Amino acid sequence: LVTGEIRVMGKGSKERIVPVGAPASDA
């Protein structure tokens, strides 16, 4: 939540980093 991102495991066991918006970070 400091950088505003999350690492997730997608299809084919491929990891990616996606941004997390400010309202989502607060929640």
mmCIF file of all heavy atoms, coordinates in Angstrom:
data_MODEL
# 
_entry.id   MODEL 
# 
loop_
_atom_site.group_PDB 
_atom_site.id 
_atom_site.type_symbol 
_atom_site.label_atom_id 
_atom_site.label_alt_id 
_atom_site.label_comp_id 
_atom_site.label_asym_id 
_atom_site.label_entity_id 
_atom_site.label_seq_id 
_atom_site.pdbx_PDB_ins_code 
_atom_site.Cartn_x 
_atom_site.Cartn_y 
_atom_site.Cartn_z 
_atom_site.occupancy 
_atom_site.B_iso_or_equiv 
_atom_site.pdbx_formal_charge 
_atom_site.auth_seq_id 
_atom_site.auth_comp_id 
_atom_site.auth_asym_id 
_atom_site.auth_atom_id 
_atom_site.pdbx_PDB_model_num 
ATOM 1   N N   . LEU A 1 1  ? 0.815   -1.211  0.000   1.00 0.00 ? 1  LEU A N   1 
ATOM 2   C CA  . LEU A 1 1  ? 0.000   0.000   0.000   1.00 0.00 ? 1  LEU A CA  1 
ATOM 3   C C   . LEU A 1 1  ? 0.850   1.264   0.000   1.00 0.00 ? 1  LEU A C   1 
ATOM 4   O O   . LEU A 1 1  ? 0.317   2.358   -0.228  1.00 0.00 ? 1  LEU A O   1 
ATOM 5   C CB  . LEU A 1 1  ? -0.938  -0.006  1.216   1.00 0.00 ? 1  LEU A CB  1 
ATOM 6   C CG  . LEU A 1 1  ? -2.010  -1.099  1.193   1.00 0.00 ? 1  LEU A CG  1 
ATOM 7   C CD1 . LEU A 1 1  ? -2.863  -1.034  2.449   1.00 0.00 ? 1  LEU A CD1 1 
ATOM 8   C CD2 . LEU A 1 1  ? -2.878  -0.983  -0.051  1.00 0.00 ? 1  LEU A CD2 1 
ATOM 9   N N   . VAL A 1 2  ? 2.150   1.138   0.238   1.00 0.00 ? 2  VAL A N   1 
ATOM 10  C CA  . VAL A 1 2  ? 3.037   2.300   0.159   1.00 0.00 ? 2  VAL A CA  1 
ATOM 11  C C   . VAL A 1 2  ? 3.249   2.691   -1.299  1.00 0.00 ? 2  VAL A C   1 
ATOM 12  O O   . VAL A 1 2  ? 3.125   3.864   -1.673  1.00 0.00 ? 2  VAL A O   1 
ATOM 13  C CB  . VAL A 1 2  ? 4.389   2.010   0.852   1.00 0.00 ? 2  VAL A CB  1 
ATOM 14  C CG1 . VAL A 1 2  ? 5.348   3.195   0.650   1.00 0.00 ? 2  VAL A CG1 1 
ATOM 15  C CG2 . VAL A 1 2  ? 4.179   1.732   2.333   1.00 0.00 ? 2  VAL A CG2 1 
ATOM 16  N N   . THR A 1 3  ? 3.530   1.701   -2.129  1.00 0.00 ? 3  THR A N   1 
ATOM 17  C CA  . THR A 1 3  ? 3.723   1.962   -3.562  1.00 0.00 ? 3  THR A CA  1 
ATOM 18  C C   . THR A 1 3  ? 2.411   1.916   -4.330  1.00 0.00 ? 3  THR A C   1 
ATOM 19  O O   . THR A 1 3  ? 2.351   2.341   -5.485  1.00 0.00 ? 3  THR A O   1 
ATOM 20  C CB  . THR A 1 3  ? 4.692   0.940   -4.165  1.00 0.00 ? 3  THR A CB  1 
ATOM 21  O OG1 . THR A 1 3  ? 4.160   -0.383  -3.994  1.00 0.00 ? 3  THR A OG1 1 
ATOM 22  C CG2 . THR A 1 3  ? 6.057   1.023   -3.492  1.00 0.00 ? 3  THR A CG2 1 
ATOM 23  N N   . GLY A 1 4  ? 1.364   1.386   -3.705  1.00 0.00 ? 4  GLY A N   1 
ATOM 24  C CA  . GLY A 1 4  ? 0.070   1.295   -4.371  1.00 0.00 ? 4  GLY A CA  1 
ATOM 25  C C   . GLY A 1 4  ? 0.053   0.254   -5.471  1.00 0.00 ? 4  GLY A C   1 
ATOM 26  O O   . GLY A 1 4  ? -0.322  0.548   -6.616  1.00 0.00 ? 4  GLY A O   1 
ATOM 27  N N   . GLU A 1 5  ? 0.427   -0.987  -5.141  1.00 0.00 ? 5  GLU A N   1 
ATOM 28  C CA  . GLU A 1 5  ? 0.432   -2.055  -6.138  1.00 0.00 ? 5  GLU A CA  1 
ATOM 29  C C   . GLU A 1 5  ? 0.254   -3.406  -5.464  1.00 0.00 ? 5  GLU A C   1 
ATOM 30  O O   . GLU A 1 5  ? 0.450   -3.555  -4.258  1.00 0.00 ? 5  GLU A O   1 
ATOM 31  C CB  . GLU A 1 5  ? 1.736   -2.038  -6.948  1.00 0.00 ? 5  GLU A CB  1 
ATOM 32  C CG  . GLU A 1 5  ? 2.984   -2.249  -6.115  1.00 0.00 ? 5  GLU A CG  1 
ATOM 33  C CD  . GLU A 1 5  ? 4.256   -2.002  -6.890  1.00 0.00 ? 5  GLU A CD  1 
ATOM 34  O OE1 . GLU A 1 5  ? 4.226   -1.170  -7.833  1.00 0.00 ? 5  GLU A OE1 1 
ATOM 35  O OE2 . GLU A 1 5  ? 5.280   -2.628  -6.576  1.00 0.00 ? 5  GLU A OE2 1 
ATOM 36  N N   . ILE A 1 6  ? -0.140  -4.372  -6.264  1.00 0.00 ? 6  ILE A N   1 
ATOM 37  C CA  . ILE A 1 6  ? -0.305  -5.727  -5.771  1.00 0.00 ? 6  ILE A CA  1 
ATOM 38  C C   . ILE A 1 6  ? 0.226   -6.697  -6.817  1.00 0.00 ? 6  ILE A C   1 
ATOM 39  O O   . ILE A 1 6  ? 0.073   -6.474  -8.023  1.00 0.00 ? 6  ILE A O   1 
ATOM 40  C CB  . ILE A 1 6  ? -1.788  -6.036  -5.442  1.00 0.00 ? 6  ILE A CB  1 
ATOM 41  C CG1 . ILE A 1 6  ? -1.922  -7.412  -4.793  1.00 0.00 ? 6  ILE A CG1 1 
ATOM 42  C CG2 . ILE A 1 6  ? -2.677  -5.932  -6.682  1.00 0.00 ? 6  ILE A CG2 1 
ATOM 43  C CD1 . ILE A 1 6  ? -3.313  -7.690  -4.229  1.00 0.00 ? 6  ILE A CD1 1 
ATOM 44  N N   . ARG A 1 7  ? 0.878   -7.742  -6.353  1.00 0.00 ? 7  ARG A N   1 
ATOM 45  C CA  . ARG A 1 7  ? 1.355   -8.819  -7.235  1.00 0.00 ? 7  ARG A CA  1 
ATOM 46  C C   . ARG A 1 7  ? 0.316   -9.933  -7.234  1.00 0.00 ? 7  ARG A C   1 
ATOM 47  O O   . ARG A 1 7  ? -0.107  -10.386 -6.162  1.00 0.00 ? 7  ARG A O   1 
ATOM 48  C CB  . ARG A 1 7  ? 2.697   -9.384  -6.752  1.00 0.00 ? 7  ARG A CB  1 
ATOM 49  C CG  . ARG A 1 7  ? 3.860   -8.421  -6.879  1.00 0.00 ? 7  ARG A CG  1 
ATOM 50  C CD  . ARG A 1 7  ? 5.124   -9.028  -6.271  1.00 0.00 ? 7  ARG A CD  1 
ATOM 51  N NE  . ARG A 1 7  ? 6.250   -8.145  -6.433  1.00 0.00 ? 7  ARG A NE  1 
ATOM 52  C CZ  . ARG A 1 7  ? 7.122   -8.200  -7.449  1.00 0.00 ? 7  ARG A CZ  1 
ATOM 53  N NH1 . ARG A 1 7  ? 6.948   -9.135  -8.385  1.00 0.00 ? 7  ARG A NH1 1 
ATOM 54  N NH2 . ARG A 1 7  ? 8.130   -7.371  -7.530  1.00 0.00 ? 7  ARG A NH2 1 
ATOM 55  N N   . VAL A 1 8  ? -0.094  -10.358 -8.405  1.00 0.00 ? 8  VAL A N   1 
ATOM 56  C CA  . VAL A 1 8  ? -1.084  -11.426 -8.503  1.00 0.00 ? 8  VAL A CA  1 
ATOM 57  C C   . VAL A 1 8  ? -0.592  -12.498 -9.457  1.00 0.00 ? 8  VAL A C   1 
ATOM 58  O O   . VAL A 1 8  ? 0.224   -12.238 -10.346 1.00 0.00 ? 8  VAL A O   1 
ATOM 59  C CB  . VAL A 1 8  ? -2.459  -10.896 -8.978  1.00 0.00 ? 8  VAL A CB  1 
ATOM 60  C CG1 . VAL A 1 8  ? -3.053  -9.953  -7.947  1.00 0.00 ? 8  VAL A CG1 1 
ATOM 61  C CG2 . VAL A 1 8  ? -2.352  -10.209 -10.330 1.00 0.00 ? 8  VAL A CG2 1 
ATOM 62  N N   . MET A 1 9  ? -1.088  -13.711 -9.246  1.00 0.00 ? 9  MET A N   1 
ATOM 63  C CA  . MET A 1 9  ? -0.752  -14.830 -10.108 1.00 0.00 ? 9  MET A CA  1 
ATOM 64  C C   . MET A 1 9  ? -1.879  -15.028 -11.106 1.00 0.00 ? 9  MET A C   1 
ATOM 65  O O   . MET A 1 9  ? -3.013  -15.355 -10.727 1.00 0.00 ? 9  MET A O   1 
ATOM 66  C CB  . MET A 1 9  ? -0.550  -16.103 -9.286  1.00 0.00 ? 9  MET A CB  1 
ATOM 67  C CG  . MET A 1 9  ? 0.068   -17.243 -10.071 1.00 0.00 ? 9  MET A CG  1 
ATOM 68  S SD  . MET A 1 9  ? 1.771   -16.890 -10.597 1.00 0.00 ? 9  MET A SD  1 
ATOM 69  C CE  . MET A 1 9  ? 2.601   -16.889 -9.001  1.00 0.00 ? 9  MET A CE  1 
ATOM 70  N N   . GLY A 1 10 ? -1.610  -14.780 -12.385 1.00 0.00 ? 10 GLY A N   1 
ATOM 71  C CA  . GLY A 1 10 ? -2.635  -14.866 -13.410 1.00 0.00 ? 10 GLY A CA  1 
ATOM 72  C C   . GLY A 1 10 ? -2.645  -16.200 -14.127 1.00 0.00 ? 10 GLY A C   1 
ATOM 73  O O   . GLY A 1 10 ? -2.122  -17.200 -13.626 1.00 0.00 ? 10 GLY A O   1 
ATOM 74  N N   . LYS A 1 11 ? -3.234  -16.215 -15.304 1.00 0.00 ? 11 LYS A N   1 
ATOM 75  C CA  . LYS A 1 11 ? -3.310  -17.441 -16.098 1.00 0.00 ? 11 LYS A CA  1 
ATOM 76  C C   . LYS A 1 11 ? -1.919  -17.924 -16.472 1.00 0.00 ? 11 LYS A C   1 
ATOM 77  O O   . LYS A 1 11 ? -1.016  -17.127 -16.704 1.00 0.00 ? 11 LYS A O   1 
ATOM 78  C CB  . LYS A 1 11 ? -4.131  -17.190 -17.363 1.00 0.00 ? 11 LYS A CB  1 
ATOM 79  C CG  . LYS A 1 11 ? -5.639  -17.061 -17.116 1.00 0.00 ? 11 LYS A CG  1 
ATOM 80  C CD  . LYS A 1 11 ? -6.381  -16.948 -18.418 1.00 0.00 ? 11 LYS A CD  1 
ATOM 81  C CE  . LYS A 1 11 ? -7.890  -16.903 -18.198 1.00 0.00 ? 11 LYS A CE  1 
ATOM 82  N NZ  . LYS A 1 11 ? -8.631  -16.795 -19.475 1.00 0.00 ? 11 LYS A NZ  1 
ATOM 83  N N   . GLY A 1 12 ? -1.773  -19.237 -16.543 1.00 0.00 ? 12 GLY A N   1 
ATOM 84  C CA  . GLY A 1 12 ? -0.482  -19.798 -16.907 1.00 0.00 ? 12 GLY A CA  1 
ATOM 85  C C   . GLY A 1 12 ? 0.567   -19.582 -15.838 1.00 0.00 ? 12 GLY A C   1 
ATOM 86  O O   . GLY A 1 12 ? 1.772   -19.611 -16.119 1.00 0.00 ? 12 GLY A O   1 
ATOM 87  N N   . SER A 1 13 ? 0.142   -19.363 -14.592 1.00 0.00 ? 13 SER A N   1 
ATOM 88  C CA  . SER A 1 13 ? 1.056   -19.121 -13.465 1.00 0.00 ? 13 SER A CA  1 
ATOM 89  C C   . SER A 1 13 ? 2.006   -17.969 -13.743 1.00 0.00 ? 13 SER A C   1 
ATOM 90  O O   . SER A 1 13 ? 3.178   -17.985 -13.354 1.00 0.00 ? 13 SER A O   1 
ATOM 91  C CB  . SER A 1 13 ? 1.863   -20.401 -13.147 1.00 0.00 ? 13 SER A CB  1 
ATOM 92  O OG  . SER A 1 13 ? 0.998   -21.443 -12.755 1.00 0.00 ? 13 SER A OG  1 
ATOM 93  N N   . LYS A 1 14 ? 1.494   -16.957 -14.428 1.00 0.00 ? 14 LYS A N   1 
ATOM 94  C CA  . LYS A 1 14 ? 2.294   -15.769 -14.723 1.00 0.00 ? 14 LYS A CA  1 
ATOM 95  C C   . LYS A 1 14 ? 1.981   -14.675 -13.709 1.00 0.00 ? 14 LYS A C   1 
ATOM 96  O O   . LYS A 1 14 ? 0.829   -14.273 -13.548 1.00 0.00 ? 14 LYS A O   1 
ATOM 97  C CB  . LYS A 1 14 ? 2.006   -15.267 -16.138 1.00 0.00 ? 14 LYS A CB  1 
ATOM 98  C CG  . LYS A 1 14 ? 2.474   -16.220 -17.230 1.00 0.00 ? 14 LYS A CG  1 
ATOM 99  C CD  . LYS A 1 14 ? 2.188   -15.648 -18.617 1.00 0.00 ? 14 LYS A CD  1 
ATOM 100 C CE  . LYS A 1 14 ? 2.680   -16.592 -19.709 1.00 0.00 ? 14 LYS A CE  1 
ATOM 101 N NZ  . LYS A 1 14 ? 2.386   -16.068 -21.070 1.00 0.00 ? 14 LYS A NZ  1 
ATOM 102 N N   . GLU A 1 15 ? 3.016   -14.223 -13.040 1.00 0.00 ? 15 GLU A N   1 
ATOM 103 C CA  . GLU A 1 15 ? 2.841   -13.166 -12.046 1.00 0.00 ? 15 GLU A CA  1 
ATOM 104 C C   . GLU A 1 15 ? 2.934   -11.803 -12.711 1.00 0.00 ? 15 GLU A C   1 
ATOM 105 O O   . GLU A 1 15 ? 3.731   -11.590 -13.615 1.00 0.00 ? 15 GLU A O   1 
ATOM 106 C CB  . GLU A 1 15 ? 3.922   -13.279 -10.971 1.00 0.00 ? 15 GLU A CB  1 
ATOM 107 C CG  . GLU A 1 15 ? 3.702   -12.346 -9.795  1.00 0.00 ? 15 GLU A CG  1 
ATOM 108 C CD  . GLU A 1 15 ? 4.782   -12.482 -8.739  1.00 0.00 ? 15 GLU A CD  1 
ATOM 109 O OE1 . GLU A 1 15 ? 5.932   -12.093 -9.028  1.00 0.00 ? 15 GLU A OE1 1 
ATOM 110 O OE2 . GLU A 1 15 ? 4.489   -12.986 -7.649  1.00 0.00 ? 15 GLU A OE2 1 
ATOM 111 N N   . ARG A 1 16 ? 2.091   -10.877 -12.261 1.00 0.00 ? 16 ARG A N   1 
ATOM 112 C CA  . ARG A 1 16 ? 2.179   -9.513  -12.764 1.00 0.00 ? 16 ARG A CA  1 
ATOM 113 C C   . ARG A 1 16 ? 1.893   -8.541  -11.628 1.00 0.00 ? 16 ARG A C   1 
ATOM 114 O O   . ARG A 1 16 ? 1.290   -8.917  -10.613 1.00 0.00 ? 16 ARG A O   1 
ATOM 115 C CB  . ARG A 1 16 ? 1.216   -9.281  -13.927 1.00 0.00 ? 16 ARG A CB  1 
ATOM 116 C CG  . ARG A 1 16 ? -0.248  -9.183  -13.566 1.00 0.00 ? 16 ARG A CG  1 
ATOM 117 C CD  . ARG A 1 16 ? -1.112  -9.000  -14.816 1.00 0.00 ? 16 ARG A CD  1 
ATOM 118 N NE  . ARG A 1 16 ? -2.507  -8.692  -14.498 1.00 0.00 ? 16 ARG A NE  1 
ATOM 119 C CZ  . ARG A 1 16 ? -3.391  -9.577  -14.083 1.00 0.00 ? 16 ARG A CZ  1 
ATOM 120 N NH1 . ARG A 1 16 ? -3.036  -10.841 -13.956 1.00 0.00 ? 16 ARG A NH1 1 
ATOM 121 N NH2 . ARG A 1 16 ? -4.638  -9.204  -13.813 1.00 0.00 ? 16 ARG A NH2 1 
ATOM 122 N N   . ILE A 1 17 ? 2.333   -7.325  -11.809 1.00 0.00 ? 17 ILE A N   1 
ATOM 123 C CA  . ILE A 1 17 ? 2.107   -6.273  -10.828 1.00 0.00 ? 17 ILE A CA  1 
ATOM 124 C C   . ILE A 1 17 ? 1.088   -5.306  -11.400 1.00 0.00 ? 17 ILE A C   1 
ATOM 125 O O   . ILE A 1 17 ? 1.217   -4.853  -12.537 1.00 0.00 ? 17 ILE A O   1 
ATOM 126 C CB  . ILE A 1 17 ? 3.417   -5.519  -10.514 1.00 0.00 ? 17 ILE A CB  1 
ATOM 127 C CG1 . ILE A 1 17 ? 4.475   -6.486  -9.997  1.00 0.00 ? 17 ILE A CG1 1 
ATOM 128 C CG2 . ILE A 1 17 ? 3.165   -4.411  -9.501  1.00 0.00 ? 17 ILE A CG2 1 
ATOM 129 C CD1 . ILE A 1 17 ? 5.837   -5.853  -9.809  1.00 0.00 ? 17 ILE A CD1 1 
ATOM 130 N N   . VAL A 1 18 ? 0.050   -5.013  -10.622 1.00 0.00 ? 18 VAL A N   1 
ATOM 131 C CA  . VAL A 1 18 ? -0.992  -4.087  -11.075 1.00 0.00 ? 18 VAL A CA  1 
ATOM 132 C C   . VAL A 1 18 ? -1.145  -2.968  -10.049 1.00 0.00 ? 18 VAL A C   1 
ATOM 133 O O   . VAL A 1 18 ? -0.952  -3.181  -8.856  1.00 0.00 ? 18 VAL A O   1 
ATOM 134 C CB  . VAL A 1 18 ? -2.336  -4.805  -11.299 1.00 0.00 ? 18 VAL A CB  1 
ATOM 135 C CG1 . VAL A 1 18 ? -2.260  -5.742  -12.483 1.00 0.00 ? 18 VAL A CG1 1 
ATOM 136 C CG2 . VAL A 1 18 ? -2.760  -5.559  -10.055 1.00 0.00 ? 18 VAL A CG2 1 
ATOM 137 N N   . PRO A 1 19 ? -1.507  -1.788  -10.513 1.00 0.00 ? 19 PRO A N   1 
ATOM 138 C CA  . PRO A 1 19 ? -1.675  -0.662  -9.590  1.00 0.00 ? 19 PRO A CA  1 
ATOM 139 C C   . PRO A 1 19 ? -2.950  -0.790  -8.765  1.00 0.00 ? 19 PRO A C   1 
ATOM 140 O O   . PRO A 1 19 ? -3.927  -1.408  -9.187  1.00 0.00 ? 19 PRO A O   1 
ATOM 141 C CB  . PRO A 1 19 ? -1.744  0.547   -10.523 1.00 0.00 ? 19 PRO A CB  1 
ATOM 142 C CG  . PRO A 1 19 ? -2.273  -0.005  -11.813 1.00 0.00 ? 19 PRO A CG  1 
ATOM 143 C CD  . PRO A 1 19 ? -1.708  -1.389  -11.919 1.00 0.00 ? 19 PRO A CD  1 
ATOM 144 N N   . VAL A 1 20 ? -2.911  -0.185  -7.595  1.00 0.00 ? 20 VAL A N   1 
ATOM 145 C CA  . VAL A 1 20 ? -4.074  -0.134  -6.706  1.00 0.00 ? 20 VAL A CA  1 
ATOM 146 C C   . VAL A 1 20 ? -4.410  1.339   -6.492  1.00 0.00 ? 20 VAL A C   1 
ATOM 147 O O   . VAL A 1 20 ? -3.573  2.110   -6.024  1.00 0.00 ? 20 VAL A O   1 
ATOM 148 C CB  . VAL A 1 20 ? -3.781  -0.815  -5.360  1.00 0.00 ? 20 VAL A CB  1 
ATOM 149 C CG1 . VAL A 1 20 ? -4.988  -0.701  -4.421  1.00 0.00 ? 20 VAL A CG1 1 
ATOM 150 C CG2 . VAL A 1 20 ? -3.407  -2.281  -5.570  1.00 0.00 ? 20 VAL A CG2 1 
ATOM 151 N N   . GLY A 1 21 ? -5.623  1.738   -6.845  1.00 0.00 ? 21 GLY A N   1 
ATOM 152 C CA  . GLY A 1 21 ? -6.026  3.133   -6.736  1.00 0.00 ? 21 GLY A CA  1 
ATOM 153 C C   . GLY A 1 21 ? -6.160  3.596   -5.293  1.00 0.00 ? 21 GLY A C   1 
ATOM 154 O O   . GLY A 1 21 ? -6.229  2.794   -4.355  1.00 0.00 ? 21 GLY A O   1 
ATOM 155 N N   . ALA A 1 22 ? -6.214  4.918   -5.104  1.00 0.00 ? 22 ALA A N   1 
ATOM 156 C CA  . ALA A 1 22 ? -6.271  5.494   -3.766  1.00 0.00 ? 22 ALA A CA  1 
ATOM 157 C C   . ALA A 1 22 ? -7.499  5.057   -2.973  1.00 0.00 ? 22 ALA A C   1 
ATOM 158 O O   . ALA A 1 22 ? -7.378  4.688   -1.798  1.00 0.00 ? 22 ALA A O   1 
ATOM 159 C CB  . ALA A 1 22 ? -6.203  7.020   -3.866  1.00 0.00 ? 22 ALA A CB  1 
ATOM 160 N N   . PRO A 1 23 ? -8.722  5.088   -3.542  1.00 0.00 ? 23 PRO A N   1 
ATOM 161 C CA  . PRO A 1 23 ? -9.882  4.615   -2.761  1.00 0.00 ? 23 PRO A CA  1 
ATOM 162 C C   . PRO A 1 23 ? -9.754  3.147   -2.365  1.00 0.00 ? 23 PRO A C   1 
ATOM 163 O O   . PRO A 1 23 ? -10.148 2.769   -1.263  1.00 0.00 ? 23 PRO A O   1 
ATOM 164 C CB  . PRO A 1 23 ? -11.061 4.835   -3.704  1.00 0.00 ? 23 PRO A CB  1 
ATOM 165 C CG  . PRO A 1 23 ? -10.603 5.902   -4.645  1.00 0.00 ? 23 PRO A CG  1 
ATOM 166 C CD  . PRO A 1 23 ? -9.152  5.631   -4.843  1.00 0.00 ? 23 PRO A CD  1 
ATOM 167 N N   . ALA A 1 24 ? -9.205  2.328   -3.263  1.00 0.00 ? 24 ALA A N   1 
ATOM 168 C CA  . ALA A 1 24 ? -9.016  0.915   -2.944  1.00 0.00 ? 24 ALA A CA  1 
ATOM 169 C C   . ALA A 1 24 ? -7.986  0.754   -1.833  1.00 0.00 ? 24 ALA A C   1 
ATOM 170 O O   . ALA A 1 24 ? -8.148  -0.080  -0.928  1.00 0.00 ? 24 ALA A O   1 
ATOM 171 C CB  . ALA A 1 24 ? -8.586  0.145   -4.187  1.00 0.00 ? 24 ALA A CB  1 
ATOM 172 N N   . SER A 1 25 ? -6.931  1.553   -1.864  1.00 0.00 ? 25 SER A N   1 
ATOM 173 C CA  . SER A 1 25 ? -5.912  1.489   -0.813  1.00 0.00 ? 25 SER A CA  1 
ATOM 174 C C   . SER A 1 25 ? -6.504  1.839   0.545   1.00 0.00 ? 25 SER A C   1 
ATOM 175 O O   . SER A 1 25 ? -6.224  1.185   1.557   1.00 0.00 ? 25 SER A O   1 
ATOM 176 C CB  . SER A 1 25 ? -4.751  2.441   -1.145  1.00 0.00 ? 25 SER A CB  1 
ATOM 177 O OG  . SER A 1 25 ? -4.047  1.998   -2.294  1.00 0.00 ? 25 SER A OG  1 
ATOM 178 N N   . ASP A 1 26 ? -7.337  2.879   0.584   1.00 0.00 ? 26 ASP A N   1 
ATOM 179 C CA  . ASP A 1 26 ? -7.982  3.270   1.840   1.00 0.00 ? 26 ASP A CA  1 
ATOM 180 C C   . ASP A 1 26 ? -8.875  2.142   2.357   1.00 0.00 ? 26 ASP A C   1 
ATOM 181 O O   . ASP A 1 26 ? -8.880  1.834   3.559   1.00 0.00 ? 26 ASP A O   1 
ATOM 182 C CB  . ASP A 1 26 ? -8.806  4.533   1.639   1.00 0.00 ? 26 ASP A CB  1 
ATOM 183 C CG  . ASP A 1 26 ? -7.945  5.765   1.415   1.00 0.00 ? 26 ASP A CG  1 
ATOM 184 O OD1 . ASP A 1 26 ? -6.725  5.690   1.684   1.00 0.00 ? 26 ASP A OD1 1 
ATOM 185 O OD2 . ASP A 1 26 ? -8.480  6.793   0.964   1.00 0.00 ? 26 ASP A OD2 1 
ATOM 186 N N   . ALA A 1 27 ? -9.653  1.543   1.440   1.00 0.00 ? 27 ALA A N   1 
ATOM 187 C CA  . ALA A 1 27 ? -10.546 0.453   1.847   1.00 0.00 ? 27 ALA A CA  1 
ATOM 188 C C   . ALA A 1 27 ? -9.748  -0.757  2.323   1.00 0.00 ? 27 ALA A C   1 
ATOM 189 O O   . ALA A 1 27 ? -10.150 -1.442  3.274   1.00 0.00 ? 27 ALA A O   1 
ATOM 190 C CB  . ALA A 1 27 ? -11.459 0.068   0.691   1.00 0.00 ? 27 ALA A CB  1 
# 
